[in-house]
Amino acid sequence: MSGILGLLIGQLTPSEQDNAGDVHSALQDVLGLNQPGGIAALLQQFTSNGLAEHVESWISSGANMPIAAEHVQQALSNEQVQAMVQRTGLPVDVLLPLVAKLLPHAVDQATPDGQAPT
């Protein structure tokens, strides 16, 4: 991992660093961030949970709004959370705070032009 994600990982605790790569991969795969329509689906999912401005800030070229683990849990489906739990082997109480730290940067990385891909 390079760029801003690499810098972010450097700011995590050692135990978070150990799991960051697995969580980042799970985010991309489970949420389809690098798939056609993945960002749009995530935006719709967060919008329907009152969190549109968060995802829009991650997509735009401006600063990324932080998000709390509770909001991540609110916005993601149980199936998505469980898929990431299975993929990473982390319990939900460890996974969600890490997702909250990594998701803004993963979306930002997947939208380098400041726009959701069409």
Foldseek 3Di string as FASTA:
>chain_A
DDDPLVVLLVVDDPVLVVQLVQLLVLCCVLQVLQHVCSLVVLLVLLVVVVRNVQSLCLLAPHDHDQDALVSVPSRDDPVSLVSSCVSRVDDSVSNSRSCRSCVSVSNNVSRVVSDRDD
